[in-house]
Amino acid sequence: MTETPDTVERPGPIQLLALAFPGNRFKGEILPELDRLKRKGIVRVLDMAIVRKDPDGNVLVATASDLDWEEATAFGSYLGSLAGFAAAGPAGVDRGAMEGALQLADGHVFDENDVFRLTSALAADTTAALLLIQHTWARPLFDAIDNADGVELMNEWVRPETILSVELRAAPADP
C-alpha cells in the first residue's frame, strides 16, 4: 500500500538558519550552547554547513549532522514523498520517496552547490553557517494539533522588534 504524506510521521518543525560572522571573532560560546540544546532534546541538527574565509581568501568548509544513515534516508524519503505528492499527487509519492532517500543518503541536505554559492558570496575574513534545525520541543504540540484535526494557517518566525510598530518622534526643543 502506498503511503500518502498524511500518513507518514512528521519530523516536527524545521528551521533554516543562515548566519554570517564578519571578522571571525568567535568566543567559544556557540557550539557549546548548540550542544546543550541538543543534549536537552530541544533541537536536533538535521544538517549544518560552515564556510570560513580567512583574510587572504583561503576557504575551510565543515559539515555536520545529527542524523545517521538510516535516519537521513528516512528523512529524505519523507521529504521526497511530500515533494512527489506536491508534483504529481498520490502517483508521485513512491518515486519522490525513492529520490529523496537517494539525495539524503550522504547524510546532508546542503550539497556542493549550496557550499559553492555560500563561498562565492562570502567576504574575506568572514564565516557563514547554514543550519537546518528540527525543533524537537514542539513535536508534542504539533502532534496534539494534528490529533484535533487542526490546520496550520501560518507558521512564521517573528523577531521581537517587529511585533509592534512604534513611531518615534523627536522631543520638542526647549524654548
C-alpha atoms as a PDB file:
ATOM      1  CA  MET A   1       0.000   0.000   0.000  1.00  0.00           C
ATOM      2  CA  THR A   2       1.316   3.437  -0.908  1.00  0.00           C
ATOM      3  CA  GLU A   3       1.578   5.842   1.977  1.00  0.00           C
ATOM      4  CA  THR A   4       0.494   9.386   1.385  1.00  0.00           C
ATOM      5  CA  PRO A   5       2.304  12.246   3.096  1.00  0.00           C
ATOM      6  CA  ASP A   6      -0.595  12.483   5.565  1.00  0.00           C
ATOM      7  CA  THR A   7       0.191   9.002   6.947  1.00  0.00           C
ATOM      8  CA  VAL A   8       3.977   9.423   7.214  1.00  0.00           C
ATOM      9  CA  GLU A   9       5.321  10.521  10.587  1.00  0.00           C
ATOM     10  CA  ARG A  10       6.217  14.209  10.524  1.00  0.00           C
ATOM     11  CA  PRO A  11       9.644  15.227  11.773  1.00  0.00           C
ATOM     12  CA  GLY A  12       8.301  18.322  13.557  1.00  0.00           C
ATOM     13  CA  PRO A  13       9.018  22.000  12.926  1.00  0.00           C
ATOM     14  CA  ILE A  14      12.185  22.625  10.913  1.00  0.00           C
ATOM     15  CA  GLN A  15      14.032  25.918  10.718  1.00  0.00           C
ATOM     16  CA  LEU A  16      16.601  27.014   8.146  1.00  0.00           C
ATOM     17  CA  LEU A  17      19.024  29.422   9.754  1.00  0.00           C
ATOM     18  CA  ALA A  18      21.728  31.274   7.801  1.00  0.00           C
ATOM     19  CA  LEU A  19      24.283  33.226   9.804  1.00  0.00           C
ATOM     20  CA  ALA A  20      27.320  35.346   8.982  1.00  0.00           C
ATOM     21  CA  PHE A  21      30.166  36.303  11.287  1.00  0.00           C
ATOM     22  CA  PRO A  22      32.233  39.159   9.846  1.00  0.00           C
ATOM     23  CA  GLY A  23      35.728  39.272  11.304  1.00  0.00           C
ATOM     24  CA  ASN A  24      35.603  35.678  12.593  1.00  0.00           C
ATOM     25  CA  ARG A  25      35.527  36.922  16.208  1.00  0.00           C
ATOM     26  CA  PHE A  26      34.358  33.781  17.962  1.00  0.00           C
ATOM     27  CA  LYS A  27      34.482  33.442  21.753  1.00  0.00           C
ATOM     28  CA  GLY A  28      33.727  29.729  22.046  1.00  0.00           C
ATOM     29  CA  GLU A  29      30.084  30.162  23.029  1.00  0.00           C
ATOM     30  CA  ILE A  30      28.066  28.986  20.032  1.00  0.00           C
ATOM     31  CA  LEU A  31      28.872  25.268  19.696  1.00  0.00           C
ATOM     32  CA  PRO A  32      28.641  24.592  23.464  1.00  0.00           C
ATOM     33  CA  GLU A  33      25.202  26.239  23.505  1.00  0.00           C
ATOM     34  CA  LEU A  34      24.084  24.228  20.488  1.00  0.00           C
ATOM     35  CA  ASP A  35      25.361  21.042  22.187  1.00  0.00           C
ATOM     36  CA  ARG A  36      23.445  21.976  25.365  1.00  0.00           C
ATOM     37  CA  LEU A  37      20.217  22.408  23.388  1.00  0.00           C
ATOM     38  CA  LYS A  38      20.781  19.087  21.653  1.00  0.00           C
ATOM     39  CA  ARG A  39      21.504  17.225  24.929  1.00  0.00           C
ATOM     40  CA  LYS A  40      18.270  18.583  26.434  1.00  0.00           C
ATOM     41  CA  GLY A  41      16.285  17.371  23.403  1.00  0.00           C
ATOM     42  CA  ILE A  42      15.232  20.890  22.454  1.00  0.00           C
ATOM     43  CA  VAL A  43      16.751  20.879  18.965  1.00  0.00           C
ATOM     44  CA  ARG A  44      18.346  18.464  16.553  1.00  0.00           C
ATOM     45  CA  VAL A  45      20.736  19.477  13.785  1.00  0.00           C
ATOM     46  CA  LEU A  46      19.496  17.880  10.578  1.00  0.00           C
ATOM     47  CA  ASP A  47      22.315  19.461   8.584  1.00  0.00           C
ATOM     48  CA  MET A  48      24.987  22.090   9.056  1.00  0.00           C
ATOM     49  CA  ALA A  49      27.494  23.600   6.653  1.00  0.00           C
ATOM     50  CA  ILE A  50      30.117  26.057   7.842  1.00  0.00           C
ATOM     51  CA  VAL A  51      32.296  28.031   5.444  1.00  0.00           C
ATOM     52  CA  ARG A  52      35.169  30.133   6.776  1.00  0.00           C
ATOM     53  CA  LYS A  53      37.108  32.518   4.578  1.00  0.00           C
ATOM     54  CA  ASP A  54      40.304  33.928   6.094  1.00  0.00           C
ATOM     55  CA  PRO A  55      41.653  37.436   5.373  1.00  0.00           C
ATOM     56  CA  ASP A  56      43.613  36.066   2.373  1.00  0.00           C
ATOM     57  CA  GLY A  57      40.521  34.404   0.879  1.00  0.00           C
ATOM     58  CA  ASN A  58      41.506  30.805   1.780  1.00  0.00           C
ATOM     59  CA  VAL A  59      38.432  28.680   2.465  1.00  0.00           C
ATOM     60  CA  LEU A  60      37.703  26.000   5.048  1.00  0.00           C
ATOM     61  CA  VAL A  61      34.454  24.008   4.837  1.00  0.00           C
ATOM     62  CA  ALA A  62      32.990  21.801   7.576  1.00  0.00           C
ATOM     63  CA  THR A  63      29.722  19.880   7.635  1.00  0.00           C
ATOM     64  CA  ALA A  64      27.848  18.033  10.371  1.00  0.00           C
ATOM     65  CA  SER A  65      24.548  16.305  11.038  1.00  0.00           C
ATOM     66  CA  ASP A  66      22.898  14.531  13.955  1.00  0.00           C
ATOM     67  CA  LEU A  67      21.350  12.006  11.554  1.00  0.00           C
ATOM     68  CA  ASP A  68      22.837   8.584  10.993  1.00  0.00           C
ATOM     69  CA  TRP A  69      22.444   6.903   7.578  1.00  0.00           C
ATOM     70  CA  GLU A  70      19.090   5.266   8.384  1.00  0.00           C
ATOM     71  CA  GLU A  71      17.641   8.489   9.789  1.00  0.00           C
ATOM     72  CA  ALA A  72      18.966  10.552   6.863  1.00  0.00           C
ATOM     73  CA  THR A  73      17.487   8.234   4.233  1.00  0.00           C
ATOM     74  CA  ALA A  74      14.164   8.024   6.127  1.00  0.00           C
ATOM     75  CA  PHE A  75      14.078  11.836   6.377  1.00  0.00           C
ATOM     76  CA  GLY A  76      14.926  12.086   2.668  1.00  0.00           C
ATOM     77  CA  SER A  77      12.189   9.599   1.862  1.00  0.00           C
ATOM     78  CA  TYR A  78       9.678  11.644   3.869  1.00  0.00           C
ATOM     79  CA  LEU A  79      10.662  14.918   2.195  1.00  0.00           C
ATOM     80  CA  GLY A  80      10.722  13.249  -1.216  1.00  0.00           C
ATOM     81  CA  SER A  81       7.245  11.775  -0.715  1.00  0.00           C
ATOM     82  CA  LEU A  82       5.938  15.255   0.101  1.00  0.00           C
ATOM     83  CA  ALA A  83       7.637  16.719  -2.977  1.00  0.00           C
ATOM     84  CA  GLY A  84       6.337  13.863  -5.128  1.00  0.00           C
ATOM     85  CA  PHE A  85       2.825  14.322  -3.783  1.00  0.00           C
ATOM     86  CA  ALA A  86       3.004  18.083  -4.452  1.00  0.00           C
ATOM     87  CA  ALA A  87       4.240  17.473  -8.009  1.00  0.00           C
ATOM     88  CA  ALA A  88       2.051  14.575  -9.097  1.00  0.00           C
ATOM     89  CA  GLY A  89      -0.454  13.759  -6.375  1.00  0.00           C
ATOM     90  CA  PRO A  90      -0.641  10.229  -4.919  1.00  0.00           C
ATOM     91  CA  ALA A  91       1.067   8.806  -8.014  1.00  0.00           C
ATOM     92  CA  GLY A  92       4.241  10.770  -7.229  1.00  0.00           C
ATOM     93  CA  VAL A  93       4.667   9.666  -3.614  1.00  0.00           C
ATOM     94  CA  ASP A  94       6.652   6.454  -4.183  1.00  0.00           C
ATOM     95  CA  ARG A  95       9.015   7.895  -6.790  1.00  0.00           C
ATOM     96  CA  GLY A  96       9.540  11.018  -4.684  1.00  0.00           C
ATOM     97  CA  ALA A  97      10.286   8.905  -1.621  1.00  0.00           C
ATOM     98  CA  MET A  98      12.939   6.922  -3.501  1.00  0.00           C
ATOM     99  CA  GLU A  99      14.560  10.032  -4.957  1.00  0.00           C
ATOM    100  CA  GLY A 100      14.512  11.790  -1.585  1.00  0.00           C
ATOM    101  CA  ALA A 101      16.172   8.845   0.160  1.00  0.00           C
ATOM    102  CA  LEU A 102      18.853   8.785  -2.534  1.00  0.00           C
ATOM    103  CA  GLN A 103      19.503  12.522  -2.244  1.00  0.00           C
ATOM    104  CA  LEU A 104      19.996  12.337   1.523  1.00  0.00           C
ATOM    105  CA  ALA A 105      21.967   9.064   1.519  1.00  0.00           C
ATOM    106  CA  ASP A 106      25.153  11.065   2.193  1.00  0.00           C
ATOM    107  CA  GLY A 107      23.518  12.492   5.311  1.00  0.00           C
ATOM    108  CA  HIS A 108      23.307  16.083   4.088  1.00  0.00           C
ATOM    109  CA  VAL A 109      20.613  18.341   2.690  1.00  0.00           C
ATOM    110  CA  PHE A 110      23.158  21.027   1.795  1.00  0.00           C
ATOM    111  CA  ASP A 111      25.158  19.990  -1.241  1.00  0.00           C
ATOM    112  CA  GLU A 112      28.295  21.213  -3.024  1.00  0.00           C
ATOM    113  CA  ASN A 113      26.232  23.782  -4.957  1.00  0.00           C
ATOM    114  CA  ASP A 114      24.991  25.335  -1.694  1.00  0.00           C
ATOM    115  CA  VAL A 115      28.553  25.457  -0.356  1.00  0.00           C
ATOM    116  CA  PHE A 116      29.843  26.945  -3.635  1.00  0.00           C
ATOM    117  CA  ARG A 117      27.195  29.687  -3.631  1.00  0.00           C
ATOM    118  CA  LEU A 118      27.860  30.466   0.018  1.00  0.00           C
ATOM    119  CA  THR A 119      31.622  30.572  -0.547  1.00  0.00           C
ATOM    120  CA  SER A 120      31.235  32.805  -3.606  1.00  0.00           C
ATOM    121  CA  ALA A 121      29.090  35.305  -1.701  1.00  0.00           C
ATOM    122  CA  LEU A 122      31.271  35.343   1.391  1.00  0.00           C
ATOM    123  CA  ALA A 123      33.624  38.266   2.019  1.00  0.00           C
ATOM    124  CA  ALA A 124      37.184  37.612   3.170  1.00  0.00           C
ATOM    125  CA  ASP A 125      37.657  37.267   6.943  1.00  0.00           C
ATOM    126  CA  THR A 126      34.079  36.029   7.402  1.00  0.00           C
ATOM    127  CA  THR A 127      32.456  32.782   8.456  1.00  0.00           C
ATOM    128  CA  ALA A 128      28.969  31.701   7.403  1.00  0.00           C
ATOM    129  CA  ALA A 129      26.846  28.840   8.662  1.00  0.00           C
ATOM    130  CA  LEU A 130      23.767  27.157   7.263  1.00  0.00           C
ATOM    131  CA  LEU A 131      21.817  25.157   9.817  1.00  0.00           C
ATOM    132  CA  LEU A 132      18.756  23.031   9.284  1.00  0.00           C
ATOM    133  CA  ILE A 133      17.363  22.590  12.795  1.00  0.00           C
ATOM    134  CA  GLN A 134      14.495  20.397  13.928  1.00  0.00           C
ATOM    135  CA  HIS A 135      12.683  21.858  16.931  1.00  0.00           C
ATOM    136  CA  THR A 136      12.034  18.645  18.829  1.00  0.00           C
ATOM    137  CA  TRP A 137      10.479  20.515  21.766  1.00  0.00           C
ATOM    138  CA  ALA A 138       7.464  21.407  19.598  1.00  0.00           C
ATOM    139  CA  ARG A 139       6.727  17.893  18.341  1.00  0.00           C
ATOM    140  CA  PRO A 140       4.172  17.009  21.085  1.00  0.00           C
ATOM    141  CA  LEU A 141       2.354  20.305  20.489  1.00  0.00           C
ATOM    142  CA  PHE A 142       2.146  19.691  16.734  1.00  0.00           C
ATOM    143  CA  ASP A 143       1.001  16.102  17.365  1.00  0.00           C
ATOM    144  CA  ALA A 144      -1.806  17.433  19.610  1.00  0.00           C
ATOM    145  CA  ILE A 145      -2.809  19.925  16.906  1.00  0.00           C
ATOM    146  CA  ASP A 146      -2.849  17.118  14.324  1.00  0.00           C
ATOM    147  CA  ASN A 147      -4.919  14.908  16.648  1.00  0.00           C
ATOM    148  CA  ALA A 148      -7.503  17.706  16.901  1.00  0.00           C
ATOM    149  CA  ASP A 149      -7.575  17.935  13.077  1.00  0.00           C
ATOM    150  CA  GLY A 150      -6.032  21.394  13.303  1.00  0.00           C
ATOM    151  CA  VAL A 151      -4.969  23.053  10.085  1.00  0.00           C
ATOM    152  CA  GLU A 152      -1.884  25.242  10.056  1.00  0.00           C
ATOM    153  CA  LEU A 153      -2.750  28.610   8.584  1.00  0.00           C
ATOM    154  CA  MET A 154       0.610  30.254   9.126  1.00  0.00           C
ATOM    155  CA  ASN A 155       3.923  29.343  10.718  1.00  0.00           C
ATOM    156  CA  GLU A 156       6.471  32.120  10.709  1.00  0.00           C
ATOM    157  CA  TRP A 157       9.340  33.097  12.963  1.00  0.00           C
ATOM    158  CA  VAL A 158       8.884  36.639  14.211  1.00  0.00           C
ATOM    159  CA  ARG A 159      11.663  38.775  15.649  1.00  0.00           C
ATOM    160  CA  PRO A 160      10.542  40.604  18.833  1.00  0.00           C
ATOM    161  CA  GLU A 161      11.401  44.037  17.455  1.00  0.00           C
ATOM    162  CA  THR A 162       8.986  43.548  14.539  1.00  0.00           C
ATOM    163  CA  ILE A 163       5.889  42.766  16.601  1.00  0.00           C
ATOM    164  CA  LEU A 164       4.908  46.338  17.349  1.00  0.00           C
ATOM    165  CA  SER A 165       5.221  49.321  15.097  1.00  0.00           C
ATOM    166  CA  VAL A 166       6.457  52.238  17.127  1.00  0.00           C
ATOM    167  CA  GLU A 167       6.722  55.696  15.695  1.00  0.00           C
ATOM    168  CA  LEU A 168       9.440  57.653  17.387  1.00  0.00           C
ATOM    169  CA  ARG A 169       9.286  61.412  17.247  1.00  0.00           C
ATOM    170  CA  ALA A 170      11.894  63.893  18.280  1.00  0.00           C
ATOM    171  CA  ALA A 171      11.170  65.599  21.557  1.00  0.00           C
ATOM    172  CA  PRO A 172      10.176  69.239  21.140  1.00  0.00           C
ATOM    173  CA  ALA A 173      13.073  71.624  21.570  1.00  0.00           C
ATOM    174  CA  ASP A 174      13.151  73.696  24.757  1.00  0.00           C
ATOM    175  CA  PRO A 175      12.225  77.354  24.092  1.00  0.00           C
END
